[in-house]
Amino acid sequence: MALSVSHINSSSFLRFGSIVGIAKDGSKKTVEFADDANLFQVLVGAGVLSKTGTCMGNKACGKCLVKHVSGKAPEIDEDEKDLLEEAPKGARIACAITLSGENNGAVFQAI
């Protein structure tokens, strides 16, 4: 009987990491994520950000503001720049940030 060997594509494996989220009240939570996780969803799931009054992560309202405190964060794209026009200096839009293993250890604070 011949055995069939299937090849596993290594790109199908997700990398994981963790970030620190700081809520508006100053409480800190270390939160795990998988590659391609949306920062808004990660922080809402951890109770660091509230989804109340937002566009629910659709990159339309710019109300899920965070400050990138430390670690590596993705570059700001043009859509996020547009939403940040009236935001405080140093602000980022959480729903516009897709996390990857490169962001392991980054710190984001709700503002």
N, C-alpha and C. Protein backbone atom coordinates (compact mmCIF):
# COMPACT_ATOMS: atom_id res chain seq x y z
N MET A 1 0.85 -1.16 0.00
CA MET A 1 0.00 0.00 0.00
C MET A 1 0.90 1.23 0.00
N ALA A 2 0.66 2.13 -0.92
CA ALA A 2 1.45 3.36 -1.01
C ALA A 2 0.86 4.42 -0.10
N LEU A 3 1.72 5.12 0.59
CA LEU A 3 1.28 6.20 1.46
C LEU A 3 1.43 7.53 0.74
N SER A 4 0.47 8.35 0.90
CA SER A 4 0.52 9.68 0.29
C SER A 4 1.00 10.67 1.35
N VAL A 5 1.95 11.47 0.98
CA VAL A 5 2.45 12.49 1.90
C VAL A 5 1.96 13.85 1.40
N SER A 6 1.26 14.55 2.27
CA SER A 6 0.83 15.89 1.86
C SER A 6 1.81 16.89 2.45
N HIS A 7 2.08 17.89 1.68
CA HIS A 7 3.01 18.93 2.11
C HIS A 7 2.24 20.03 2.80
N ILE A 8 2.80 20.49 3.90
CA ILE A 8 2.16 21.56 4.66
C ILE A 8 2.84 22.87 4.30
N ASN A 9 2.03 23.83 3.93
CA ASN A 9 2.53 25.15 3.60
C ASN A 9 2.83 25.89 4.90
N SER A 10 4.09 26.24 5.12
CA SER A 10 4.47 26.88 6.39
C SER A 10 3.83 28.25 6.55
N SER A 11 3.41 28.89 5.47
CA SER A 11 2.78 30.21 5.59
C SER A 11 1.37 30.10 6.17
N SER A 12 0.87 28.86 6.28
CA SER A 12 -0.47 28.70 6.85
C SER A 12 -0.44 28.73 8.38
N PHE A 13 0.74 28.68 8.97
CA PHE A 13 0.86 28.73 10.42
C PHE A 13 0.85 30.18 10.88
N LEU A 14 0.04 30.45 11.88
CA LEU A 14 -0.02 31.80 12.43
C LEU A 14 1.06 31.99 13.47
N ARG A 15 1.59 33.20 13.53
CA ARG A 15 2.48 33.57 14.61
C ARG A 15 1.64 34.27 15.65
N PHE A 16 2.08 34.19 16.87
CA PHE A 16 1.36 34.81 17.97
C PHE A 16 2.27 35.78 18.70
N GLY A 17 1.68 36.70 19.40
CA GLY A 17 2.44 37.64 20.20
C GLY A 17 1.55 38.20 21.28
N SER A 18 2.06 39.18 21.99
CA SER A 18 1.25 39.85 22.99
C SER A 18 1.59 41.33 22.97
N ILE A 19 0.61 42.13 23.33
CA ILE A 19 0.78 43.56 23.47
C ILE A 19 0.30 43.95 24.85
N VAL A 20 0.63 45.14 25.27
CA VAL A 20 0.09 45.69 26.51
C VAL A 20 -0.88 46.78 26.12
N GLY A 21 -2.09 46.68 26.65
CA GLY A 21 -3.10 47.70 26.45
C GLY A 21 -3.31 48.46 27.74
N ILE A 22 -3.35 49.78 27.65
CA ILE A 22 -3.57 50.61 28.83
C ILE A 22 -4.91 51.32 28.65
N ALA A 23 -5.83 51.06 29.56
CA ALA A 23 -7.16 51.67 29.49
C ALA A 23 -7.09 53.14 29.93
N LYS A 24 -8.16 53.87 29.69
CA LYS A 24 -8.21 55.28 30.07
C LYS A 24 -8.03 55.48 31.57
N ASP A 25 -8.42 54.49 32.37
CA ASP A 25 -8.26 54.60 33.83
C ASP A 25 -6.86 54.23 34.30
N GLY A 26 -5.97 53.89 33.36
CA GLY A 26 -4.59 53.56 33.70
C GLY A 26 -4.31 52.10 33.93
N SER A 27 -5.36 51.28 33.98
CA SER A 27 -5.13 49.84 34.19
C SER A 27 -4.48 49.23 32.95
N LYS A 28 -3.58 48.29 33.19
CA LYS A 28 -2.83 47.65 32.11
C LYS A 28 -3.21 46.19 31.99
N LYS A 29 -3.28 45.74 30.74
CA LYS A 29 -3.55 44.32 30.47
C LYS A 29 -2.62 43.85 29.38
N THR A 30 -2.02 42.69 29.60
CA THR A 30 -1.25 42.04 28.56
C THR A 30 -2.21 41.14 27.80
N VAL A 31 -2.24 41.32 26.49
CA VAL A 31 -3.23 40.64 25.66
C VAL A 31 -2.52 39.89 24.54
N GLU A 32 -2.86 38.62 24.37
CA GLU A 32 -2.29 37.82 23.29
C GLU A 32 -3.08 38.02 22.01
N PHE A 33 -2.38 37.88 20.87
CA PHE A 33 -3.03 38.01 19.56
C PHE A 33 -2.37 37.07 18.57
N ALA A 34 -3.06 36.82 17.48
CA ALA A 34 -2.51 36.05 16.36
C ALA A 34 -2.25 37.02 15.21
N ASP A 35 -1.33 36.65 14.31
CA ASP A 35 -1.08 37.47 13.13
C ASP A 35 -2.38 37.88 12.45
N ASP A 36 -2.40 39.08 11.92
CA ASP A 36 -3.53 39.65 11.20
C ASP A 36 -4.71 40.01 12.10
N ALA A 37 -4.48 40.06 13.41
CA ALA A 37 -5.53 40.48 14.33
C ALA A 37 -5.67 42.00 14.24
N ASN A 38 -6.88 42.48 14.38
CA ASN A 38 -7.16 43.91 14.36
C ASN A 38 -7.00 44.45 15.78
N LEU A 39 -6.22 45.52 15.94
CA LEU A 39 -5.95 46.07 17.26
C LEU A 39 -7.23 46.48 17.97
N PHE A 40 -8.18 47.06 17.27
CA PHE A 40 -9.46 47.45 17.88
C PHE A 40 -10.14 46.25 18.51
N GLN A 41 -10.25 45.17 17.76
CA GLN A 41 -10.93 43.97 18.27
C GLN A 41 -10.17 43.35 19.44
N VAL A 42 -8.85 43.38 19.38
CA VAL A 42 -8.04 42.83 20.48
C VAL A 42 -8.25 43.64 21.75
N LEU A 43 -8.21 44.98 21.63
CA LEU A 43 -8.35 45.84 22.81
C LEU A 43 -9.78 45.86 23.34
N VAL A 44 -10.79 45.79 22.47
CA VAL A 44 -12.18 45.71 22.93
C VAL A 44 -12.40 44.39 23.66
N GLY A 45 -11.90 43.30 23.10
CA GLY A 45 -12.04 41.99 23.72
C GLY A 45 -11.39 41.91 25.10
N ALA A 46 -10.35 42.71 25.30
CA ALA A 46 -9.65 42.72 26.59
C ALA A 46 -10.25 43.74 27.56
N GLY A 47 -11.23 44.51 27.10
CA GLY A 47 -11.84 45.52 27.97
C GLY A 47 -11.03 46.80 28.09
N VAL A 48 -10.05 46.99 27.23
CA VAL A 48 -9.21 48.19 27.26
C VAL A 48 -9.89 49.33 26.52
N LEU A 49 -10.56 49.03 25.43
CA LEU A 49 -11.31 50.01 24.65
C LEU A 49 -12.79 49.66 24.68
N SER A 50 -13.62 50.67 24.54
CA SER A 50 -15.07 50.44 24.43
C SER A 50 -15.47 50.60 22.97
N LYS A 51 -16.37 49.74 22.53
CA LYS A 51 -16.88 49.87 21.16
C LYS A 51 -18.08 50.80 21.09
N THR A 52 -18.58 51.24 22.22
CA THR A 52 -19.73 52.15 22.27
C THR A 52 -19.40 53.45 21.54
N GLY A 53 -20.26 53.86 20.64
CA GLY A 53 -20.09 55.12 19.92
C GLY A 53 -19.10 55.06 18.78
N THR A 54 -18.65 53.86 18.43
CA THR A 54 -17.70 53.73 17.32
C THR A 54 -18.38 53.10 16.11
N CYS A 55 -17.64 53.04 15.02
CA CYS A 55 -18.15 52.40 13.80
C CYS A 55 -17.92 50.89 13.83
N MET A 56 -17.55 50.36 15.00
CA MET A 56 -17.35 48.92 15.21
C MET A 56 -16.16 48.37 14.42
N GLY A 57 -15.15 49.19 14.22
CA GLY A 57 -13.94 48.71 13.57
C GLY A 57 -13.95 48.78 12.06
N ASN A 58 -14.78 49.64 11.49
CA ASN A 58 -14.89 49.73 10.03
C ASN A 58 -14.09 50.87 9.41
N LYS A 59 -13.17 51.46 10.15
CA LYS A 59 -12.32 52.56 9.68
C LYS A 59 -13.14 53.71 9.10
N ALA A 60 -14.22 54.07 9.78
CA ALA A 60 -15.08 55.13 9.27
C ALA A 60 -15.22 56.33 10.20
N CYS A 61 -15.03 56.15 11.51
CA CYS A 61 -15.34 57.25 12.43
C CYS A 61 -14.12 57.89 13.10
N GLY A 62 -13.06 57.14 13.28
CA GLY A 62 -11.87 57.67 13.93
C GLY A 62 -12.00 57.86 15.43
N LYS A 63 -12.93 57.17 16.08
CA LYS A 63 -13.15 57.35 17.52
C LYS A 63 -12.41 56.34 18.39
N CYS A 64 -11.79 55.36 17.81
CA CYS A 64 -11.06 54.35 18.60
C CYS A 64 -9.59 54.75 18.69
N LEU A 65 -9.38 55.91 19.29
CA LEU A 65 -8.03 56.46 19.36
C LEU A 65 -7.17 55.78 20.42
N VAL A 66 -5.95 55.51 20.04
CA VAL A 66 -4.95 54.98 20.95
C VAL A 66 -3.65 55.75 20.72
N LYS A 67 -2.80 55.70 21.72
CA LYS A 67 -1.46 56.26 21.59
C LYS A 67 -0.50 55.09 21.55
N HIS A 68 0.39 55.09 20.57
CA HIS A 68 1.42 54.05 20.49
C HIS A 68 2.52 54.48 21.45
N VAL A 69 2.66 53.79 22.56
CA VAL A 69 3.59 54.16 23.62
C VAL A 69 4.99 53.62 23.36
N SER A 70 5.09 52.36 22.99
CA SER A 70 6.40 51.76 22.74
C SER A 70 6.26 50.52 21.90
N GLY A 71 7.42 50.00 21.46
CA GLY A 71 7.43 48.82 20.60
C GLY A 71 7.19 49.22 19.16
N LYS A 72 7.05 48.24 18.33
CA LYS A 72 6.87 48.48 16.90
C LYS A 72 5.38 48.52 16.54
N ALA A 73 5.02 49.49 15.73
CA ALA A 73 3.65 49.60 15.22
C ALA A 73 3.72 49.75 13.70
N PRO A 74 2.69 49.27 13.00
CA PRO A 74 2.68 49.42 11.55
C PRO A 74 2.67 50.90 11.15
N GLU A 75 3.17 51.17 9.96
CA GLU A 75 3.15 52.52 9.43
C GLU A 75 1.71 53.00 9.24
N ILE A 76 1.51 54.30 9.31
CA ILE A 76 0.20 54.89 9.09
C ILE A 76 -0.07 54.94 7.59
N ASP A 77 -1.23 54.39 7.17
CA ASP A 77 -1.58 54.46 5.75
C ASP A 77 -2.43 55.71 5.48
N GLU A 78 -2.74 55.96 4.23
CA GLU A 78 -3.48 57.18 3.85
C GLU A 78 -4.87 57.24 4.46
N ASP A 79 -5.57 56.12 4.55
CA ASP A 79 -6.91 56.12 5.15
C ASP A 79 -6.85 56.53 6.62
N GLU A 80 -5.85 56.02 7.33
CA GLU A 80 -5.71 56.38 8.74
C GLU A 80 -5.32 57.85 8.88
N LYS A 81 -4.45 58.33 8.01
CA LYS A 81 -4.06 59.75 8.05
C LYS A 81 -5.28 60.65 7.94
N ASP A 82 -6.19 60.30 7.05
CA ASP A 82 -7.41 61.10 6.87
C ASP A 82 -8.23 61.15 8.16
N LEU A 83 -8.34 60.02 8.85
CA LEU A 83 -9.11 59.96 10.09
C LEU A 83 -8.42 60.68 11.25
N LEU A 84 -7.12 60.88 11.13
CA LEU A 84 -6.35 61.49 12.22
C LEU A 84 -6.22 63.01 12.10
N GLU A 85 -6.83 63.61 11.11
CA GLU A 85 -6.66 65.04 10.89
C GLU A 85 -7.02 65.89 12.11
N GLU A 86 -8.05 65.52 12.85
CA GLU A 86 -8.49 66.28 14.02
C GLU A 86 -8.06 65.65 15.35
N ALA A 87 -7.29 64.59 15.28
CA ALA A 87 -6.90 63.84 16.49
C ALA A 87 -5.69 64.48 17.17
N PRO A 88 -5.51 64.21 18.46
CA PRO A 88 -4.33 64.71 19.16
C PRO A 88 -3.04 64.17 18.54
N LYS A 89 -1.96 64.91 18.71
CA LYS A 89 -0.66 64.49 18.18
C LYS A 89 -0.27 63.13 18.78
N GLY A 90 0.22 62.26 17.95
CA GLY A 90 0.66 60.94 18.39
C GLY A 90 -0.44 59.89 18.42
N ALA A 91 -1.67 60.29 18.09
CA ALA A 91 -2.80 59.35 18.12
C ALA A 91 -2.73 58.39 16.93
N ARG A 92 -3.30 57.23 17.13
CA ARG A 92 -3.49 56.25 16.06
C ARG A 92 -4.93 55.78 16.13
N ILE A 93 -5.42 55.23 15.04
CA ILE A 93 -6.77 54.67 14.96
C ILE A 93 -6.63 53.16 15.14
N ALA A 94 -7.17 52.63 16.24
CA ALA A 94 -6.98 51.20 16.56
C ALA A 94 -7.48 50.28 15.47
N CYS A 95 -8.63 50.60 14.88
CA CYS A 95 -9.18 49.68 13.87
C CYS A 95 -8.41 49.71 12.55
N ALA A 96 -7.49 50.66 12.40
CA ALA A 96 -6.68 50.74 11.19
C ALA A 96 -5.36 49.98 11.35
N ILE A 97 -5.15 49.39 12.52
CA ILE A 97 -3.88 48.70 12.79
C ILE A 97 -4.10 47.19 12.78
N THR A 98 -3.36 46.53 11.91
CA THR A 98 -3.36 45.07 11.85
C THR A 98 -2.07 44.60 12.50
N LEU A 99 -2.20 43.75 13.49
CA LEU A 99 -1.05 43.28 14.25
C LEU A 99 -0.38 42.09 13.58
N SER A 100 0.92 42.00 13.78
CA SER A 100 1.68 40.84 13.32
C SER A 100 2.71 40.52 14.40
N GLY A 101 3.47 39.46 14.19
CA GLY A 101 4.49 39.08 15.15
C GLY A 101 5.50 40.19 15.41
N GLU A 102 5.68 41.09 14.45
CA GLU A 102 6.60 42.22 14.62
C GLU A 102 6.15 43.16 15.73
N ASN A 103 4.87 43.12 16.06
CA ASN A 103 4.32 44.02 17.08
C ASN A 103 4.37 43.43 18.48
N ASN A 104 4.94 42.24 18.61
CA ASN A 104 5.04 41.60 19.91
C ASN A 104 5.71 42.54 20.90
N GLY A 105 5.08 42.76 22.04
CA GLY A 105 5.64 43.60 23.08
C GLY A 105 5.27 45.08 22.97
N ALA A 106 4.56 45.47 21.93
CA ALA A 106 4.17 46.88 21.77
C ALA A 106 3.17 47.27 22.85
N VAL A 107 3.13 48.57 23.14
CA VAL A 107 2.22 49.09 24.15
C VAL A 107 1.35 50.16 23.51
N PHE A 108 0.03 50.03 23.69
CA PHE A 108 -0.95 50.98 23.18
C PHE A 108 -1.83 51.46 24.32
N GLN A 109 -2.06 52.76 24.38
CA GLN A 109 -2.87 53.35 25.44
C GLN A 109 -4.12 54.00 24.85
N ALA A 110 -5.28 53.68 25.43
CA ALA A 110 -6.54 54.30 25.00
C ALA A 110 -6.50 55.79 25.33
N ILE A 111 -6.95 56.62 24.38
CA ILE A 111 -7.02 58.07 24.63
C ILE A 111 -8.39 58.60 24.28
